[in-house]
Structures are given as structure tokens and as C-alpha cells.
């Protein structure tokens, strides 16, 4: 008897719920939508493009010293990213021909703390300098360079703050970790996340 009563109560609840009026239909948004742009060659100048495109565009800035890239357009992309995340910009001047440029890349890639401090505080942008493309027009707005790689630190608006000869950061056949961390700490836009002593 109890089971029959329980079954009847459940059936009544289901039938009462099914008899409720349907909610009013909601209007459909028919406004034209812009398609997402995920082309990393497109600059992120709007400040509100899809996240995947932003990530690809920012990663492309530091991918390689590409003579075909336009550093003026890349800088506009870097400025948007720097402003969005309260970062500074580092222009890494060099070329694929430059052994010390590759040593610097390997040094940063091989040290998680250096990489974390760099990524937390800077938008890193490679600017090609080679026989194929010296980027004279772009580089003419900055002080002369003694050797490669050379680093220029810019504020979030793209204004020069510091010119760093990387020879001062070298040690033996590589880079000195403490000196490099001190450089990053000195030019970070806020209290840095890591200490050179760590």
C-alpha cells in the first residue's frame, strides 16, 4: 500500500509540473557579429580581440628574429598587451645569425625563475637586425647599439626607459643569472615577483 501511495504521489507531481504554462520565448539576438580573428600576423590593436588571437600574436613577438616582420606594427601589438597587463616592453635586437642571441634565448628558456619574472613584468619583442633587413627606420629612434643582442626597455606607451648592453650581463660563455635577474628587477613596472638572491 505504501508503495502504491508513493507511486501515486510521484505521478501527481510529474503531471502537475507538466501542466505548467511554458515560459515566454526570449528574443533571438540577430545583430551581426564579427568573426573571431585568430591570425597571429594580425596586430592586437583593439584591446578586445579573442584570447586565442592575443596569445598567438604575443607569442609571435618573441618567436624568432624574422626579417619579414614589421617592428612598428609589432610594437603597437606590444603596447596594447603592456597596457592591458601593466607591463613594460623589452625590445630584443638581434638576428638568427647571432650566437649570443641564441645563448640568451636558451638561458631564459632554461631558467624558470628568470622566465617567470620576465613574463610577469615584460612583453618581450624581438627585432631583427641582419644583412637581409637592418630595420634602420625603426631602430633609428633608439640609441646606437654596441653589439648583439641588445635590449631596450620601454614603458607601456612605448617610450624608451633604458638601453642595456647585454655584454654587461654575460659571464664566461653564457649569462650571469644574478645580473640578469637584477636587470629584470630594476626595470620591472612594479614590485618584482622574484629576488636576484633566490
C-alpha atoms as a PDB file:
ATOM      1  CA  UNK A   1       0.000   0.000   0.000  1.00  0.00           C
ATOM      2  CA  UNK A   2       2.771   2.431   0.893  1.00  0.00           C
ATOM      3  CA  UNK A   3       4.500   1.779  -2.428  1.00  0.00           C
ATOM      4  CA  UNK A   4       1.256   2.462  -4.322  1.00  0.00           C
ATOM      5  CA  UNK A   5       0.768   5.726  -2.390  1.00  0.00           C
ATOM      6  CA  UNK A   6       4.375   6.832  -3.102  1.00  0.00           C
ATOM      7  CA  UNK A   7       3.957   5.973  -6.791  1.00  0.00           C
ATOM      8  CA  UNK A   8       0.691   7.974  -6.956  1.00  0.00           C
ATOM      9  CA  UNK A   9       2.344  10.991  -5.271  1.00  0.00           C
ATOM     10  CA  UNK A  10       5.256  10.963  -7.744  1.00  0.00           C
ATOM     11  CA  UNK A  11       2.870  10.592 -10.715  1.00  0.00           C
ATOM     12  CA  UNK A  12       0.769  13.517  -9.458  1.00  0.00           C
ATOM     13  CA  UNK A  13       3.870  15.741  -9.035  1.00  0.00           C
ATOM     14  CA  UNK A  14       5.071  14.925 -12.532  1.00  0.00           C
ATOM     15  CA  UNK A  15       1.668  15.566 -14.090  1.00  0.00           C
ATOM     16  CA  UNK A  16       1.230  18.877 -12.259  1.00  0.00           C
ATOM     17  CA  UNK A  17       4.686  20.028 -13.412  1.00  0.00           C
ATOM     18  CA  UNK A  18       3.890  19.052 -16.985  1.00  0.00           C
ATOM     19  CA  UNK A  19       0.738  21.160 -16.932  1.00  0.00           C
ATOM     20  CA  UNK A  20       2.550  24.390 -16.104  1.00  0.00           C
ATOM     21  CA  UNK A  21       2.452  27.030 -18.855  1.00  0.00           C
ATOM     22  CA  UNK A  22       5.615  27.340 -20.992  1.00  0.00           C
ATOM     23  CA  UNK A  23       7.806  30.363 -20.292  1.00  0.00           C
ATOM     24  CA  UNK A  24       7.666  33.271 -22.714  1.00  0.00           C
ATOM     25  CA  UNK A  25      10.065  32.789 -25.645  1.00  0.00           C
ATOM     26  CA  UNK A  26      13.123  35.004 -25.464  1.00  0.00           C
ATOM     27  CA  UNK A  27      14.024  37.183 -28.455  1.00  0.00           C
ATOM     28  CA  UNK A  28      16.965  35.986 -30.538  1.00  0.00           C
ATOM     29  CA  UNK A  29      19.945  38.348 -30.915  1.00  0.00           C
ATOM     30  CA  UNK A  30      20.219  38.929 -34.648  1.00  0.00           C
ATOM     31  CA  UNK A  31      22.809  41.706 -34.590  1.00  0.00           C
ATOM     32  CA  UNK A  32      25.740  40.987 -36.923  1.00  0.00           C
ATOM     33  CA  UNK A  33      28.746  39.556 -35.073  1.00  0.00           C
ATOM     34  CA  UNK A  34      32.359  39.986 -36.124  1.00  0.00           C
ATOM     35  CA  UNK A  35      34.093  36.658 -36.732  1.00  0.00           C
ATOM     36  CA  UNK A  36      36.938  35.801 -34.374  1.00  0.00           C
ATOM     37  CA  UNK A  37      40.355  36.571 -35.833  1.00  0.00           C
ATOM     38  CA  UNK A  38      42.984  34.032 -34.839  1.00  0.00           C
ATOM     39  CA  UNK A  39      45.658  35.080 -37.302  1.00  0.00           C
ATOM     40  CA  UNK A  40      48.866  35.747 -35.294  1.00  0.00           C
ATOM     41  CA  UNK A  41      50.091  38.076 -38.037  1.00  0.00           C
ATOM     42  CA  UNK A  42      47.272  40.483 -37.212  1.00  0.00           C
ATOM     43  CA  UNK A  43      48.136  43.082 -34.565  1.00  0.00           C
ATOM     44  CA  UNK A  44      46.134  43.146 -31.376  1.00  0.00           C
ATOM     45  CA  UNK A  45      45.344  46.840 -31.537  1.00  0.00           C
ATOM     46  CA  UNK A  46      41.704  46.727 -30.495  1.00  0.00           C
ATOM     47  CA  UNK A  47      42.461  45.554 -26.978  1.00  0.00           C
ATOM     48  CA  UNK A  48      39.440  43.239 -27.049  1.00  0.00           C
ATOM     49  CA  UNK A  49      40.135  40.613 -29.680  1.00  0.00           C
ATOM     50  CA  UNK A  50      39.695  36.913 -28.921  1.00  0.00           C
ATOM     51  CA  UNK A  51      42.038  35.472 -26.342  1.00  0.00           C
ATOM     52  CA  UNK A  52      43.467  32.862 -28.725  1.00  0.00           C
ATOM     53  CA  UNK A  53      44.443  35.564 -31.217  1.00  0.00           C
ATOM     54  CA  UNK A  54      46.013  37.636 -28.443  1.00  0.00           C
ATOM     55  CA  UNK A  55      48.067  34.717 -27.203  1.00  0.00           C
ATOM     56  CA  UNK A  56      49.233  33.846 -30.701  1.00  0.00           C
ATOM     57  CA  UNK A  57      50.108  37.454 -31.547  1.00  0.00           C
ATOM     58  CA  UNK A  58      52.067  37.986 -28.326  1.00  0.00           C
ATOM     59  CA  UNK A  59      53.899  34.656 -28.724  1.00  0.00           C
ATOM     60  CA  UNK A  60      54.840  35.623 -32.290  1.00  0.00           C
ATOM     61  CA  UNK A  61      56.593  38.766 -30.996  1.00  0.00           C
ATOM     62  CA  UNK A  62      59.224  36.629 -29.272  1.00  0.00           C
ATOM     63  CA  UNK A  63      59.269  33.625 -31.614  1.00  0.00           C
ATOM     64  CA  UNK A  64      62.302  34.469 -33.770  1.00  0.00           C
ATOM     65  CA  UNK A  65      64.282  37.267 -35.382  1.00  0.00           C
ATOM     66  CA  UNK A  66      62.248  37.416 -38.583  1.00  0.00           C
ATOM     67  CA  UNK A  67      63.449  39.841 -41.282  1.00  0.00           C
ATOM     68  CA  UNK A  68      59.927  39.856 -42.776  1.00  0.00           C
ATOM     69  CA  UNK A  69      58.224  41.172 -39.611  1.00  0.00           C
ATOM     70  CA  UNK A  70      57.287  44.839 -39.306  1.00  0.00           C
ATOM     71  CA  UNK A  71      58.644  46.032 -35.929  1.00  0.00           C
ATOM     72  CA  UNK A  72      56.449  49.166 -35.963  1.00  0.00           C
ATOM     73  CA  UNK A  73      53.303  47.000 -36.147  1.00  0.00           C
ATOM     74  CA  UNK A  74      54.753  44.570 -33.619  1.00  0.00           C
ATOM     75  CA  UNK A  75      55.397  47.454 -31.231  1.00  0.00           C
ATOM     76  CA  UNK A  76      51.744  48.518 -31.469  1.00  0.00           C
ATOM     77  CA  UNK A  77      50.752  44.970 -30.517  1.00  0.00           C
ATOM     78  CA  UNK A  78      53.245  45.008 -27.628  1.00  0.00           C
ATOM     79  CA  UNK A  79      51.906  48.360 -26.378  1.00  0.00           C
ATOM     80  CA  UNK A  80      48.335  47.030 -26.255  1.00  0.00           C
ATOM     81  CA  UNK A  81      49.486  43.976 -24.303  1.00  0.00           C
ATOM     82  CA  UNK A  82      51.689  46.059 -21.978  1.00  0.00           C
ATOM     83  CA  UNK A  83      48.856  48.470 -21.167  1.00  0.00           C
ATOM     84  CA  UNK A  84      46.353  45.663 -20.678  1.00  0.00           C
ATOM     85  CA  UNK A  85      48.585  43.904 -18.124  1.00  0.00           C
ATOM     86  CA  UNK A  86      50.588  46.787 -16.609  1.00  0.00           C
ATOM     87  CA  UNK A  87      53.839  45.545 -18.125  1.00  0.00           C
ATOM     88  CA  UNK A  88      56.851  47.110 -19.728  1.00  0.00           C
ATOM     89  CA  UNK A  89      58.253  46.205 -23.130  1.00  0.00           C
ATOM     90  CA  UNK A  90      61.708  44.834 -23.889  1.00  0.00           C
ATOM     91  CA  UNK A  91      62.959  45.134 -27.458  1.00  0.00           C
ATOM     92  CA  UNK A  92      65.450  42.318 -28.046  1.00  0.00           C
ATOM     93  CA  UNK A  93      67.580  43.442 -31.015  1.00  0.00           C
ATOM     94  CA  UNK A  94      69.489  40.703 -32.834  1.00  0.00           C
ATOM     95  CA  UNK A  95      69.320  38.127 -35.580  1.00  0.00           C
ATOM     96  CA  UNK A  96      69.252  34.441 -36.316  1.00  0.00           C
ATOM     97  CA  UNK A  97      72.923  34.813 -37.336  1.00  0.00           C
ATOM     98  CA  UNK A  98      73.867  35.913 -33.789  1.00  0.00           C
ATOM     99  CA  UNK A  99      75.197  33.128 -31.482  1.00  0.00           C
ATOM    100  CA  UNK A 100      74.799  35.262 -28.338  1.00  0.00           C
ATOM    101  CA  UNK A 101      71.142  35.853 -29.254  1.00  0.00           C
ATOM    102  CA  UNK A 102      70.585  32.091 -29.205  1.00  0.00           C
ATOM    103  CA  UNK A 103      72.550  31.756 -25.972  1.00  0.00           C
ATOM    104  CA  UNK A 104      70.247  34.374 -24.404  1.00  0.00           C
ATOM    105  CA  UNK A 105      67.153  32.511 -25.636  1.00  0.00           C
ATOM    106  CA  UNK A 106      68.481  29.236 -24.185  1.00  0.00           C
ATOM    107  CA  UNK A 107      69.424  30.943 -20.920  1.00  0.00           C
ATOM    108  CA  UNK A 108      65.900  32.331 -20.459  1.00  0.00           C
ATOM    109  CA  UNK A 109      64.204  29.110 -21.614  1.00  0.00           C
ATOM    110  CA  UNK A 110      66.327  27.058 -19.207  1.00  0.00           C
ATOM    111  CA  UNK A 111      65.659  29.099 -16.063  1.00  0.00           C
ATOM    112  CA  UNK A 112      62.067  29.001 -14.812  1.00  0.00           C
ATOM    113  CA  UNK A 113      62.536  31.879 -12.355  1.00  0.00           C
ATOM    114  CA  UNK A 114      64.046  34.182 -14.982  1.00  0.00           C
ATOM    115  CA  UNK A 115      61.276  33.233 -17.401  1.00  0.00           C
ATOM    116  CA  UNK A 116      58.564  33.776 -14.780  1.00  0.00           C
ATOM    117  CA  UNK A 117      59.948  37.205 -13.824  1.00  0.00           C
ATOM    118  CA  UNK A 118      60.252  38.194 -17.500  1.00  0.00           C
ATOM    119  CA  UNK A 119      56.750  37.010 -18.386  1.00  0.00           C
ATOM    120  CA  UNK A 120      55.128  38.592 -15.321  1.00  0.00           C
ATOM    121  CA  UNK A 121      56.579  42.040 -15.975  1.00  0.00           C
ATOM    122  CA  UNK A 122      57.525  42.424 -19.642  1.00  0.00           C
ATOM    123  CA  UNK A 123      56.270  41.971 -23.174  1.00  0.00           C
ATOM    124  CA  UNK A 124      59.370  40.614 -24.935  1.00  0.00           C
ATOM    125  CA  UNK A 125      59.640  41.604 -28.589  1.00  0.00           C
ATOM    126  CA  UNK A 126      62.373  40.507 -30.976  1.00  0.00           C
ATOM    127  CA  UNK A 127      63.517  42.989 -33.613  1.00  0.00           C
ATOM    128  CA  UNK A 128      65.562  41.595 -36.475  1.00  0.00           C
ATOM    129  CA  UNK A 129      68.891  43.140 -37.424  1.00  0.00           C
ATOM    130  CA  UNK A 130      70.574  41.326 -40.310  1.00  0.00           C
ATOM    131  CA  UNK A 131      72.038  41.864 -43.757  1.00  0.00           C
ATOM    132  CA  UNK A 132      68.632  40.971 -45.151  1.00  0.00           C
ATOM    133  CA  UNK A 133      66.808  43.617 -43.074  1.00  0.00           C
ATOM    134  CA  UNK A 134      68.526  46.041 -40.711  1.00  0.00           C
ATOM    135  CA  UNK A 135      65.236  47.726 -39.751  1.00  0.00           C
ATOM    136  CA  UNK A 136      67.061  51.064 -39.980  1.00  0.00           C
ATOM    137  CA  UNK A 137      63.942  53.250 -39.912  1.00  0.00           C
ATOM    138  CA  UNK A 138      62.611  51.577 -36.770  1.00  0.00           C
ATOM    139  CA  UNK A 139      65.945  51.358 -34.931  1.00  0.00           C
ATOM    140  CA  UNK A 140      66.899  54.956 -35.785  1.00  0.00           C
ATOM    141  CA  UNK A 141      64.606  56.165 -32.990  1.00  0.00           C
ATOM    142  CA  UNK A 142      66.779  54.439 -30.365  1.00  0.00           C
ATOM    143  CA  UNK A 143      70.390  54.934 -29.218  1.00  0.00           C
ATOM    144  CA  UNK A 144      73.182  53.189 -31.104  1.00  0.00           C
ATOM    145  CA  UNK A 145      73.922  49.552 -30.330  1.00  0.00           C
ATOM    146  CA  UNK A 146      77.412  48.245 -29.401  1.00  0.00           C
ATOM    147  CA  UNK A 147      76.698  44.578 -30.000  1.00  0.00           C
ATOM    148  CA  UNK A 148      74.013  41.931 -30.236  1.00  0.00           C
ATOM    149  CA  UNK A 149      71.767  41.053 -28.662  1.00  0.00           C
ATOM    150  CA  UNK A 150      70.867  44.468 -27.299  1.00  0.00           C
ATOM    151  CA  UNK A 151      67.899  45.197 -25.048  1.00  0.00           C
ATOM    152  CA  UNK A 152      65.814  48.370 -24.939  1.00  0.00           C
ATOM    153  CA  UNK A 153      63.336  48.713 -22.066  1.00  0.00           C
ATOM    154  CA  UNK A 154      60.223  50.729 -22.919  1.00  0.00           C
ATOM    155  CA  UNK A 155      57.308  51.830 -20.781  1.00  0.00           C
ATOM    156  CA  UNK A 156      53.768  50.697 -21.575  1.00  0.00           C
ATOM    157  CA  UNK A 157      53.371  53.573 -24.041  1.00  0.00           C
ATOM    158  CA  UNK A 158      56.492  52.603 -25.967  1.00  0.00           C
ATOM    159  CA  UNK A 159      58.785  55.328 -24.587  1.00  0.00           C
ATOM    160  CA  UNK A 160      62.441  54.420 -24.037  1.00  0.00           C
ATOM    161  CA  UNK A 161      63.434  53.953 -20.394  1.00  0.00           C
ATOM    162  CA  UNK A 162      66.775  52.129 -20.653  1.00  0.00           C
ATOM    163  CA  UNK A 163      69.312  50.816 -23.147  1.00  0.00           C
ATOM    164  CA  UNK A 164      71.060  47.633 -21.976  1.00  0.00           C
ATOM    165  CA  UNK A 165      74.309  46.364 -23.479  1.00  0.00           C
ATOM    166  CA  UNK A 166      73.999  42.628 -22.828  1.00  0.00           C
ATOM    167  CA  UNK A 167      77.779  42.214 -22.628  1.00  0.00           C
ATOM    168  CA  UNK A 168      77.414  43.575 -19.077  1.00  0.00           C
ATOM    169  CA  UNK A 169      75.151  40.612 -18.249  1.00  0.00           C
ATOM    170  CA  UNK A 170      77.464  37.944 -19.661  1.00  0.00           C
ATOM    171  CA  UNK A 171      79.727  35.599 -17.760  1.00  0.00           C
ATOM    172  CA  UNK A 172      82.044  33.166 -19.467  1.00  0.00           C
ATOM    173  CA  UNK A 173      80.165  31.549 -22.333  1.00  0.00           C
ATOM    174  CA  UNK A 174      76.716  32.466 -21.017  1.00  0.00           C
ATOM    175  CA  UNK A 175      74.737  34.937 -18.964  1.00  0.00           C
ATOM    176  CA  UNK A 176      75.103  35.628 -15.258  1.00  0.00           C
ATOM    177  CA  UNK A 177      71.842  34.698 -13.554  1.00  0.00           C
ATOM    178  CA  UNK A 178      72.123  37.213 -10.696  1.00  0.00           C
ATOM    179  CA  UNK A 179      72.979  40.076 -13.064  1.00  0.00           C
ATOM    180  CA  UNK A 180      70.122  39.172 -15.382  1.00  0.00           C
ATOM    181  CA  UNK A 181      67.617  38.919 -12.524  1.00  0.00           C
ATOM    182  CA  UNK A 182      68.884  42.266 -11.189  1.00  0.00           C
ATOM    183  CA  UNK A 183      68.339  43.818 -14.636  1.00  0.00           C
ATOM    184  CA  UNK A 184      64.773  42.480 -14.800  1.00  0.00           C
ATOM    185  CA  UNK A 185      64.045  43.540 -11.218  1.00  0.00           C
ATOM    186  CA  UNK A 186      65.420  47.034 -11.802  1.00  0.00           C
ATOM    187  CA  UNK A 187      63.149  47.649 -14.798  1.00  0.00           C
ATOM    188  CA  UNK A 188      60.002  45.798 -13.737  1.00  0.00           C
ATOM    189  CA  UNK A 189      56.987  48.132 -13.573  1.00  0.00           C
ATOM    190  CA  UNK A 190      56.065  47.177 -10.006  1.00  0.00           C
ATOM    191  CA  UNK A 191      57.500  45.223  -7.124  1.00  0.00           C
ATOM    192  CA  UNK A 192      59.071  42.256  -8.897  1.00  0.00           C
ATOM    193  CA  UNK A 193      57.881  38.742  -8.230  1.00  0.00           C
ATOM    194  CA  UNK A 194      61.377  37.309  -7.677  1.00  0.00           C
ATOM    195  CA  UNK A 195      64.549  38.416  -5.961  1.00  0.00           C
ATOM    196  CA  UNK A 196      68.030  38.078  -7.504  1.00  0.00           C
ATOM    197  CA  UNK A 197      69.139  36.252  -4.328  1.00  0.00           C
ATOM    198  CA  UNK A 198      66.529  33.470  -4.747  1.00  0.00           C
END
